[in-house]
Amino acid sequence: MRALQNEEACLSVVAREAPAFVEGALDVLIGLELPISTGAQVYRRAARLSNQLKHHMFDTLYHAIALEHGEMLITADGIYFAKAFRLGNIKLLVNYVES
């Protein structure tokens, strides 16, 4: 599991929204050499978040990584954001301004 981004998740969005760019996007993502987070604590936190928020672990896993590493999760998922924003370390993409 990669911290804060996952090639498969990013590529699934690119494949759906801009299929002609998938190959180039893959090259960019591979070149980023993203850090890997494999700690059991992340998985435990994701499971607790999934149960607490009644949301699937796919999203809670990314949020758990952000929380565990003191980073910010940027999400386009308004449903998840509405459930999770009170926990911190999450911003909605449409409201995101890089500082």
N, C-alpha and C. Protein backbone atom coordinates (compact mmCIF):
# COMPACT_ATOMS: atom_id res chain seq x y z
N MET A 1 0.85 -1.17 0.00
CA MET A 1 0.00 0.00 0.00
C MET A 1 0.90 1.23 0.00
N ARG A 2 0.65 2.14 -0.86
CA ARG A 2 1.48 3.33 -0.95
C ARG A 2 0.84 4.47 -0.17
N ALA A 3 1.67 5.24 0.50
CA ALA A 3 1.17 6.34 1.31
C ALA A 3 0.56 7.42 0.43
N LEU A 4 -0.68 7.73 0.69
CA LEU A 4 -1.44 8.84 0.13
C LEU A 4 -1.84 8.71 -1.33
N GLN A 5 -1.22 7.85 -2.08
CA GLN A 5 -1.65 7.62 -3.46
C GLN A 5 -1.46 6.16 -3.78
N ASN A 6 -2.20 5.70 -4.71
CA ASN A 6 -2.11 4.31 -5.13
C ASN A 6 -2.25 4.31 -6.63
N GLU A 7 -1.27 3.74 -7.33
CA GLU A 7 -1.30 3.78 -8.78
C GLU A 7 -2.62 3.24 -9.35
N GLU A 8 -3.10 2.15 -8.79
CA GLU A 8 -4.31 1.53 -9.32
C GLU A 8 -5.51 2.48 -9.20
N ALA A 9 -5.64 3.15 -8.06
CA ALA A 9 -6.76 4.06 -7.87
C ALA A 9 -6.67 5.25 -8.82
N CYS A 10 -5.47 5.81 -8.94
CA CYS A 10 -5.29 6.95 -9.85
C CYS A 10 -5.57 6.54 -11.29
N LEU A 11 -5.04 5.41 -11.66
CA LEU A 11 -5.22 4.96 -13.04
C LEU A 11 -6.68 4.62 -13.35
N SER A 12 -7.41 4.15 -12.36
CA SER A 12 -8.82 3.84 -12.62
C SER A 12 -9.60 5.10 -12.96
N VAL A 13 -9.25 6.21 -12.30
CA VAL A 13 -9.92 7.49 -12.61
C VAL A 13 -9.50 7.97 -13.99
N VAL A 14 -8.21 7.90 -14.30
CA VAL A 14 -7.72 8.32 -15.62
C VAL A 14 -8.35 7.47 -16.71
N ALA A 15 -8.40 6.16 -16.49
CA ALA A 15 -8.98 5.27 -17.50
C ALA A 15 -10.44 5.61 -17.78
N ARG A 16 -11.15 6.00 -16.76
CA ARG A 16 -12.57 6.34 -16.92
C ARG A 16 -12.75 7.72 -17.55
N GLU A 17 -11.97 8.69 -17.10
CA GLU A 17 -12.17 10.08 -17.51
C GLU A 17 -11.38 10.49 -18.75
N ALA A 18 -10.21 9.90 -18.94
CA ALA A 18 -9.34 10.29 -20.06
C ALA A 18 -8.54 9.08 -20.53
N PRO A 19 -9.20 8.09 -21.12
CA PRO A 19 -8.53 6.83 -21.46
C PRO A 19 -7.30 6.98 -22.35
N ALA A 20 -7.23 8.00 -23.16
CA ALA A 20 -6.07 8.17 -24.05
C ALA A 20 -4.80 8.49 -23.27
N PHE A 21 -4.93 8.88 -22.02
CA PHE A 21 -3.77 9.30 -21.22
C PHE A 21 -3.27 8.26 -20.24
N VAL A 22 -3.87 7.07 -20.24
CA VAL A 22 -3.52 6.05 -19.25
C VAL A 22 -2.05 5.67 -19.30
N GLU A 23 -1.51 5.42 -20.47
CA GLU A 23 -0.10 5.01 -20.58
C GLU A 23 0.83 6.08 -20.02
N GLY A 24 0.60 7.33 -20.38
CA GLY A 24 1.43 8.42 -19.88
C GLY A 24 1.28 8.61 -18.38
N ALA A 25 0.06 8.48 -17.89
CA ALA A 25 -0.19 8.61 -16.46
C ALA A 25 0.53 7.51 -15.69
N LEU A 26 0.54 6.31 -16.23
CA LEU A 26 1.23 5.20 -15.59
C LEU A 26 2.73 5.49 -15.48
N ASP A 27 3.31 6.00 -16.55
CA ASP A 27 4.74 6.34 -16.53
C ASP A 27 5.05 7.38 -15.45
N VAL A 28 4.21 8.38 -15.35
CA VAL A 28 4.41 9.42 -14.33
C VAL A 28 4.30 8.83 -12.93
N LEU A 29 3.26 8.04 -12.68
CA LEU A 29 3.06 7.47 -11.35
C LEU A 29 4.20 6.54 -10.95
N ILE A 30 4.67 5.74 -11.87
CA ILE A 30 5.80 4.85 -11.56
C ILE A 30 7.04 5.66 -11.23
N GLY A 31 7.23 6.75 -11.96
CA GLY A 31 8.40 7.59 -11.73
C GLY A 31 8.39 8.34 -10.41
N LEU A 32 7.25 8.45 -9.77
CA LEU A 32 7.17 9.17 -8.50
C LEU A 32 7.83 8.42 -7.36
N GLU A 33 7.95 7.11 -7.47
CA GLU A 33 8.53 6.28 -6.41
C GLU A 33 7.94 6.63 -5.05
N LEU A 34 6.64 6.50 -4.94
CA LEU A 34 5.92 6.86 -3.73
C LEU A 34 6.32 5.98 -2.55
N PRO A 35 6.34 6.56 -1.34
CA PRO A 35 6.68 5.76 -0.16
C PRO A 35 5.62 4.70 0.11
N ILE A 36 6.05 3.62 0.73
CA ILE A 36 5.15 2.52 1.01
C ILE A 36 4.86 2.48 2.51
N SER A 37 3.60 2.32 2.86
CA SER A 37 3.18 2.21 4.25
C SER A 37 2.57 0.83 4.44
N THR A 38 3.19 0.02 5.27
CA THR A 38 2.70 -1.35 5.46
C THR A 38 2.39 -1.67 6.91
N GLY A 39 2.43 -0.69 7.78
CA GLY A 39 2.23 -0.93 9.20
C GLY A 39 0.84 -1.45 9.53
N ALA A 40 0.81 -2.41 10.44
CA ALA A 40 -0.47 -2.97 10.88
C ALA A 40 -1.35 -1.91 11.52
N GLN A 41 -0.74 -0.90 12.11
CA GLN A 41 -1.52 0.17 12.76
C GLN A 41 -2.40 0.89 11.73
N VAL A 42 -1.91 1.07 10.53
CA VAL A 42 -2.69 1.72 9.47
C VAL A 42 -3.93 0.88 9.16
N TYR A 43 -3.73 -0.43 9.01
CA TYR A 43 -4.87 -1.31 8.70
C TYR A 43 -5.87 -1.34 9.85
N ARG A 44 -5.37 -1.35 11.08
CA ARG A 44 -6.28 -1.33 12.24
C ARG A 44 -7.10 -0.04 12.27
N ARG A 45 -6.43 1.05 12.03
CA ARG A 45 -7.13 2.35 12.04
C ARG A 45 -8.15 2.41 10.91
N ALA A 46 -7.79 1.91 9.74
CA ALA A 46 -8.72 1.89 8.61
C ALA A 46 -9.95 1.05 8.92
N ALA A 47 -9.74 -0.08 9.58
CA ALA A 47 -10.88 -0.93 9.96
C ALA A 47 -11.77 -0.23 10.97
N ARG A 48 -11.17 0.45 11.94
CA ARG A 48 -11.97 1.20 12.92
C ARG A 48 -12.75 2.33 12.24
N LEU A 49 -12.09 3.04 11.32
CA LEU A 49 -12.78 4.10 10.59
C LEU A 49 -13.93 3.55 9.76
N SER A 50 -13.70 2.42 9.11
CA SER A 50 -14.74 1.80 8.29
C SER A 50 -15.96 1.47 9.13
N ASN A 51 -15.74 0.92 10.30
CA ASN A 51 -16.83 0.58 11.21
C ASN A 51 -17.50 1.84 11.75
N GLN A 52 -16.71 2.78 12.19
CA GLN A 52 -17.24 4.03 12.77
C GLN A 52 -18.06 4.83 11.77
N LEU A 53 -17.57 4.93 10.54
CA LEU A 53 -18.21 5.77 9.54
C LEU A 53 -19.20 5.01 8.66
N LYS A 54 -19.25 3.70 8.82
CA LYS A 54 -20.11 2.85 7.98
C LYS A 54 -19.79 3.10 6.50
N HIS A 55 -18.50 2.96 6.20
CA HIS A 55 -18.00 3.22 4.86
C HIS A 55 -16.99 2.13 4.50
N HIS A 56 -16.88 1.82 3.22
CA HIS A 56 -15.98 0.75 2.83
C HIS A 56 -14.52 1.12 3.08
N MET A 57 -13.71 0.11 3.27
CA MET A 57 -12.33 0.31 3.67
C MET A 57 -11.46 0.90 2.57
N PHE A 58 -11.88 0.88 1.35
CA PHE A 58 -11.08 1.47 0.27
C PHE A 58 -10.77 2.93 0.59
N ASP A 59 -11.78 3.69 0.98
CA ASP A 59 -11.55 5.10 1.31
C ASP A 59 -10.94 5.27 2.70
N THR A 60 -11.39 4.47 3.66
CA THR A 60 -10.87 4.65 5.01
C THR A 60 -9.39 4.29 5.09
N LEU A 61 -8.92 3.43 4.21
CA LEU A 61 -7.50 3.08 4.19
C LEU A 61 -6.65 4.29 3.83
N TYR A 62 -7.06 5.02 2.82
CA TYR A 62 -6.32 6.24 2.45
C TYR A 62 -6.36 7.26 3.57
N HIS A 63 -7.51 7.40 4.21
CA HIS A 63 -7.64 8.36 5.30
C HIS A 63 -6.79 7.93 6.49
N ALA A 64 -6.77 6.64 6.79
CA ALA A 64 -5.95 6.13 7.89
C ALA A 64 -4.47 6.43 7.65
N ILE A 65 -4.02 6.28 6.41
CA ILE A 65 -2.63 6.60 6.08
C ILE A 65 -2.36 8.08 6.37
N ALA A 66 -3.25 8.94 5.92
CA ALA A 66 -3.08 10.38 6.15
C ALA A 66 -3.04 10.68 7.65
N LEU A 67 -3.94 10.10 8.40
CA LEU A 67 -3.98 10.33 9.84
C LEU A 67 -2.73 9.81 10.53
N GLU A 68 -2.30 8.62 10.19
CA GLU A 68 -1.12 8.01 10.83
C GLU A 68 0.16 8.77 10.51
N HIS A 69 0.24 9.36 9.33
CA HIS A 69 1.47 10.04 8.90
C HIS A 69 1.39 11.56 9.01
N GLY A 70 0.29 12.07 9.56
CA GLY A 70 0.15 13.51 9.71
C GLY A 70 0.08 14.24 8.39
N GLU A 71 -0.50 13.59 7.39
CA GLU A 71 -0.63 14.18 6.06
C GLU A 71 -2.09 14.50 5.78
N MET A 72 -2.35 15.11 4.64
CA MET A 72 -3.69 15.50 4.25
C MET A 72 -4.19 14.61 3.13
N LEU A 73 -5.39 14.06 3.30
CA LEU A 73 -6.05 13.32 2.23
C LEU A 73 -6.90 14.31 1.45
N ILE A 74 -6.67 14.37 0.16
CA ILE A 74 -7.48 15.20 -0.73
C ILE A 74 -8.44 14.25 -1.44
N THR A 75 -9.74 14.46 -1.27
CA THR A 75 -10.71 13.55 -1.85
C THR A 75 -11.74 14.28 -2.70
N ALA A 76 -12.18 13.62 -3.73
CA ALA A 76 -13.27 14.15 -4.55
C ALA A 76 -14.60 13.52 -4.13
N ASP A 77 -14.56 12.61 -3.17
CA ASP A 77 -15.74 11.88 -2.72
C ASP A 77 -16.47 12.67 -1.64
N GLY A 78 -17.49 13.39 -2.06
CA GLY A 78 -18.25 14.22 -1.13
C GLY A 78 -18.97 13.42 -0.06
N ILE A 79 -19.39 12.21 -0.39
CA ILE A 79 -20.08 11.37 0.59
C ILE A 79 -19.12 10.98 1.71
N TYR A 80 -17.92 10.52 1.34
CA TYR A 80 -16.94 10.16 2.37
C TYR A 80 -16.53 11.39 3.16
N PHE A 81 -16.29 12.50 2.48
CA PHE A 81 -15.87 13.72 3.17
C PHE A 81 -16.90 14.13 4.22
N ALA A 82 -18.18 14.08 3.87
CA ALA A 82 -19.24 14.47 4.82
C ALA A 82 -19.22 13.59 6.07
N LYS A 83 -18.87 12.34 5.90
CA LYS A 83 -18.80 11.43 7.04
C LYS A 83 -17.53 11.65 7.88
N ALA A 84 -16.44 12.03 7.23
CA ALA A 84 -15.13 11.95 7.86
C ALA A 84 -14.45 13.27 8.20
N PHE A 85 -14.97 14.39 7.76
CA PHE A 85 -14.23 15.64 7.91
C PHE A 85 -13.95 16.01 9.37
N ARG A 86 -14.82 15.58 10.27
CA ARG A 86 -14.63 15.89 11.69
C ARG A 86 -13.39 15.21 12.27
N LEU A 87 -12.91 14.18 11.61
CA LEU A 87 -11.74 13.44 12.09
C LEU A 87 -10.43 14.14 11.74
N GLY A 88 -10.50 15.10 10.81
CA GLY A 88 -9.31 15.86 10.43
C GLY A 88 -8.51 15.20 9.32
N ASN A 89 -7.49 15.91 8.87
CA ASN A 89 -6.55 15.45 7.85
C ASN A 89 -7.24 15.08 6.54
N ILE A 90 -8.29 15.79 6.19
CA ILE A 90 -9.01 15.53 4.94
C ILE A 90 -9.56 16.84 4.40
N LYS A 91 -9.43 17.02 3.10
CA LYS A 91 -10.00 18.18 2.42
C LYS A 91 -10.72 17.71 1.17
N LEU A 92 -11.77 18.41 0.83
CA LEU A 92 -12.51 18.12 -0.38
C LEU A 92 -11.79 18.78 -1.56
N LEU A 93 -11.62 18.03 -2.63
CA LEU A 93 -10.86 18.50 -3.77
C LEU A 93 -11.34 19.86 -4.27
N VAL A 94 -12.64 20.06 -4.37
CA VAL A 94 -13.14 21.34 -4.91
C VAL A 94 -12.80 22.51 -4.01
N ASN A 95 -12.47 22.27 -2.74
CA ASN A 95 -12.11 23.33 -1.81
C ASN A 95 -10.61 23.41 -1.58
N TYR A 96 -9.85 22.54 -2.23
CA TYR A 96 -8.41 22.45 -1.95
C TYR A 96 -7.66 23.62 -2.59
N VAL A 97 -6.86 24.26 -1.77
CA VAL A 97 -5.94 25.30 -2.23
C VAL A 97 -4.58 24.93 -1.67
N GLU A 98 -3.60 24.73 -2.54
CA GLU A 98 -2.27 24.36 -2.07
C GLU A 98 -1.64 25.53 -1.34
N SER A 99 -1.06 25.23 -0.18
CA SER A 99 -0.43 26.32 0.60
C SER A 99 1.06 26.24 0.58
